Amino acid sequence: MRPVYYRQSRTQSSEQYQIMDGDETLGHLDLHFTPSEVYGTLVLEREMGEEDILALREHIDDDLVESADVVREDFVLRVYLGRELGLGLYSDAISEDELPTDGHDGDWA
C-alpha cells in the first residue's frame, strides 16, 4: 500500500486529509500538532487488519508528521471505522453542486 494524501484543510496547528489507495478512499485523517506531541484521528472506510493499520500509521508518520518540521516526543493515533452519511459534508457556503465527487477535485477547501 502506498497512500496518497489530499489535504482538505490546514490551520496553524492542525491538518485534515483524505487518504486514498489508488481509486479507493481508505479514510480521513485529522492531525493536531502540539509543542511536544502530534495527535491523530483516523476514520477508516473499510476494515483493515492490525498489520495494515500499523503500516498505514508508519506511512502517515513518515509522510506527514515527520515532514511537518515539528519536534515531537510522540505520535498518538486513534483509529475508528466509519462511513459518511447523507451528503457527507454540510456547509453554509458550499452548495451540493460544488461538492467534489472524489474528495480532491476543486479548490474549495
C-alpha atoms as a PDB file:
ATOM      1  CA  MET A   1       0.000   0.000   0.000  1.00  0.00           C
ATOM      2  CA  ARG A   2       1.246   3.462  -0.880  1.00  0.00           C
ATOM      3  CA  PRO A   3      -1.284   6.006   0.412  1.00  0.00           C
ATOM      4  CA  VAL A   4      -1.903   9.304  -1.335  1.00  0.00           C
ATOM      5  CA  TYR A   5      -2.977  12.251   0.798  1.00  0.00           C
ATOM      6  CA  TYR A   6      -5.313  15.035  -0.276  1.00  0.00           C
ATOM      7  CA  ARG A   7      -5.280  17.929   2.156  1.00  0.00           C
ATOM      8  CA  GLN A   8      -8.800  19.127   2.930  1.00  0.00           C
ATOM      9  CA  SER A   9      -7.883  21.901   5.369  1.00  0.00           C
ATOM     10  CA  ARG A  10      -4.993  23.355   7.324  1.00  0.00           C
ATOM     11  CA  THR A  11      -4.608  25.653  10.316  1.00  0.00           C
ATOM     12  CA  GLN A  12      -1.546  26.757  12.272  1.00  0.00           C
ATOM     13  CA  SER A  13      -1.745  23.643  14.442  1.00  0.00           C
ATOM     14  CA  SER A  14      -3.796  21.071  12.515  1.00  0.00           C
ATOM     15  CA  GLU A  15      -4.350  19.449   9.140  1.00  0.00           C
ATOM     16  CA  GLN A  16      -7.113  17.328   7.654  1.00  0.00           C
ATOM     17  CA  TYR A  17      -6.624  14.782   4.851  1.00  0.00           C
ATOM     18  CA  GLN A  18      -8.488  12.323   2.711  1.00  0.00           C
ATOM     19  CA  ILE A  19      -6.340   9.196   2.297  1.00  0.00           C
ATOM     20  CA  MET A  20      -6.574   7.262  -0.955  1.00  0.00           C
ATOM     21  CA  ASP A  21      -5.145   3.951  -2.156  1.00  0.00           C
ATOM     22  CA  GLY A  22      -5.464   4.164  -5.931  1.00  0.00           C
ATOM     23  CA  ASP A  23      -9.116   4.945  -6.687  1.00  0.00           C
ATOM     24  CA  GLU A  24     -10.271   3.721  -3.267  1.00  0.00           C
ATOM     25  CA  THR A  25     -10.761   6.016  -0.294  1.00  0.00           C
ATOM     26  CA  LEU A  26      -9.066   4.469   2.740  1.00  0.00           C
ATOM     27  CA  GLY A  27     -10.244   7.069   5.204  1.00  0.00           C
ATOM     28  CA  HIS A  28      -9.973  10.544   6.642  1.00  0.00           C
ATOM     29  CA  LEU A  29      -7.255  11.834   8.944  1.00  0.00           C
ATOM     30  CA  ASP A  30      -7.112  14.776  11.339  1.00  0.00           C
ATOM     31  CA  LEU A  31      -3.711  15.745  12.749  1.00  0.00           C
ATOM     32  CA  HIS A  32      -3.249  18.134  15.672  1.00  0.00           C
ATOM     33  CA  PHE A  33       0.223  19.452  16.469  1.00  0.00           C
ATOM     34  CA  THR A  34       1.211  20.485  19.998  1.00  0.00           C
ATOM     35  CA  PRO A  35       4.649  21.644  21.174  1.00  0.00           C
ATOM     36  CA  SER A  36       5.710  18.091  22.071  1.00  0.00           C
ATOM     37  CA  GLU A  37       3.180  15.597  20.631  1.00  0.00           C
ATOM     38  CA  VAL A  38       1.152  15.028  17.497  1.00  0.00           C
ATOM     39  CA  TYR A  39      -2.359  13.625  17.935  1.00  0.00           C
ATOM     40  CA  GLY A  40      -4.226  11.996  15.073  1.00  0.00           C
ATOM     41  CA  THR A  41      -7.700  10.672  14.469  1.00  0.00           C
ATOM     42  CA  LEU A  42      -8.054   8.267  11.560  1.00  0.00           C
ATOM     43  CA  VAL A  43     -11.507   7.168  10.391  1.00  0.00           C
ATOM     44  CA  LEU A  44     -11.203   4.198   8.035  1.00  0.00           C
ATOM     45  CA  GLU A  45     -13.911   3.496   5.460  1.00  0.00           C
ATOM     46  CA  ARG A  46     -13.210  -0.234   5.458  1.00  0.00           C
ATOM     47  CA  GLU A  47     -11.894  -2.746   7.936  1.00  0.00           C
ATOM     48  CA  MET A  48      -8.144  -3.334   7.918  1.00  0.00           C
ATOM     49  CA  GLY A  49      -6.020  -5.806   9.819  1.00  0.00           C
ATOM     50  CA  GLU A  50      -3.744  -4.598  12.598  1.00  0.00           C
ATOM     51  CA  GLU A  51      -0.595  -5.094  10.476  1.00  0.00           C
ATOM     52  CA  ASP A  52      -2.081  -2.924   7.707  1.00  0.00           C
ATOM     53  CA  ILE A  53      -3.109  -0.258  10.233  1.00  0.00           C
ATOM     54  CA  LEU A  54       0.391  -0.229  11.719  1.00  0.00           C
ATOM     55  CA  ALA A  55       1.878   0.068   8.203  1.00  0.00           C
ATOM     56  CA  LEU A  56      -0.506   2.932   7.399  1.00  0.00           C
ATOM     57  CA  ARG A  57       0.416   4.642  10.679  1.00  0.00           C
ATOM     58  CA  GLU A  58       4.083   4.368   9.714  1.00  0.00           C
ATOM     59  CA  HIS A  59       3.345   5.914   6.295  1.00  0.00           C
ATOM     60  CA  ILE A  60       1.423   8.760   7.946  1.00  0.00           C
ATOM     61  CA  ASP A  61       4.269   9.312  10.395  1.00  0.00           C
ATOM     62  CA  ASP A  62       6.921   9.334   7.641  1.00  0.00           C
ATOM     63  CA  ASP A  63       4.914  11.265   5.036  1.00  0.00           C
ATOM     64  CA  LEU A  64       3.038  13.838   7.116  1.00  0.00           C
ATOM     65  CA  VAL A  65       4.156  14.000  10.734  1.00  0.00           C
ATOM     66  CA  GLU A  66       7.948  13.877  10.300  1.00  0.00           C
ATOM     67  CA  SER A  67       7.821  16.209   7.289  1.00  0.00           C
ATOM     68  CA  ALA A  68       5.923  18.864   9.264  1.00  0.00           C
ATOM     69  CA  ASP A  69       9.160  20.119  10.865  1.00  0.00           C
ATOM     70  CA  VAL A  70       7.661  19.754  14.341  1.00  0.00           C
ATOM     71  CA  VAL A  71       9.888  18.374  17.061  1.00  0.00           C
ATOM     72  CA  ARG A  72       7.783  15.712  18.722  1.00  0.00           C
ATOM     73  CA  GLU A  73       8.161  13.220  21.506  1.00  0.00           C
ATOM     74  CA  ASP A  74       5.214  11.059  20.470  1.00  0.00           C
ATOM     75  CA  PHE A  75       2.660  10.492  17.705  1.00  0.00           C
ATOM     76  CA  VAL A  76      -0.636   9.262  19.155  1.00  0.00           C
ATOM     77  CA  LEU A  77      -3.145   7.918  16.633  1.00  0.00           C
ATOM     78  CA  ARG A  78      -6.715   6.825  17.358  1.00  0.00           C
ATOM     79  CA  VAL A  79      -8.330   4.668  14.668  1.00  0.00           C
ATOM     80  CA  TYR A  80     -12.055   4.324  14.020  1.00  0.00           C
ATOM     81  CA  LEU A  81     -14.186   2.551  11.429  1.00  0.00           C
ATOM     82  CA  GLY A  82     -16.945   4.658   9.874  1.00  0.00           C
ATOM     83  CA  ARG A  83     -18.675   5.885   6.767  1.00  0.00           C
ATOM     84  CA  GLU A  84     -20.114   9.161   5.524  1.00  0.00           C
ATOM     85  CA  LEU A  85     -23.815   9.785   5.942  1.00  0.00           C
ATOM     86  CA  GLY A  86     -26.064  11.891   3.733  1.00  0.00           C
ATOM     87  CA  LEU A  87     -24.020  14.334   1.706  1.00  0.00           C
ATOM     88  CA  GLY A  88     -21.042  13.643   3.943  1.00  0.00           C
ATOM     89  CA  LEU A  89     -20.318  17.371   4.086  1.00  0.00           C
ATOM     90  CA  TYR A  90     -22.670  20.037   5.303  1.00  0.00           C
ATOM     91  CA  SER A  91     -21.778  23.669   4.685  1.00  0.00           C
ATOM     92  CA  ASP A  92     -23.378  27.107   4.841  1.00  0.00           C
ATOM     93  CA  ALA A  93     -21.291  28.285   1.865  1.00  0.00           C
ATOM     94  CA  ILE A  94     -20.861  25.263  -0.436  1.00  0.00           C
ATOM     95  CA  SER A  95     -23.811  24.041  -2.483  1.00  0.00           C
ATOM     96  CA  GLU A  96     -24.372  20.385  -3.303  1.00  0.00           C
ATOM     97  CA  ASP A  97     -23.405  21.085  -6.946  1.00  0.00           C
ATOM     98  CA  GLU A  98     -19.991  22.382  -5.827  1.00  0.00           C
ATOM     99  CA  LEU A  99     -19.099  19.318  -3.771  1.00  0.00           C
ATOM    100  CA  PRO A 100     -16.243  17.257  -5.195  1.00  0.00           C
ATOM    101  CA  THR A 101     -17.250  13.747  -6.172  1.00  0.00           C
ATOM    102  CA  ASP A 102     -13.924  12.162  -5.189  1.00  0.00           C
ATOM    103  CA  GLY A 103     -12.868  14.384  -2.316  1.00  0.00           C
ATOM    104  CA  HIS A 104      -9.942  16.024  -4.081  1.00  0.00           C
ATOM    105  CA  ASP A 105     -11.050  17.818  -7.208  1.00  0.00           C
ATOM    106  CA  GLY A 106     -11.821  21.507  -6.977  1.00  0.00           C
ATOM    107  CA  ASP A 107     -10.212  24.002  -4.639  1.00  0.00           C
ATOM    108  CA  TRP A 108     -12.970  24.725  -2.142  1.00  0.00           C
ATOM    109  CA  ALA A 109     -11.035  23.515   0.917  1.00  0.00           C
END
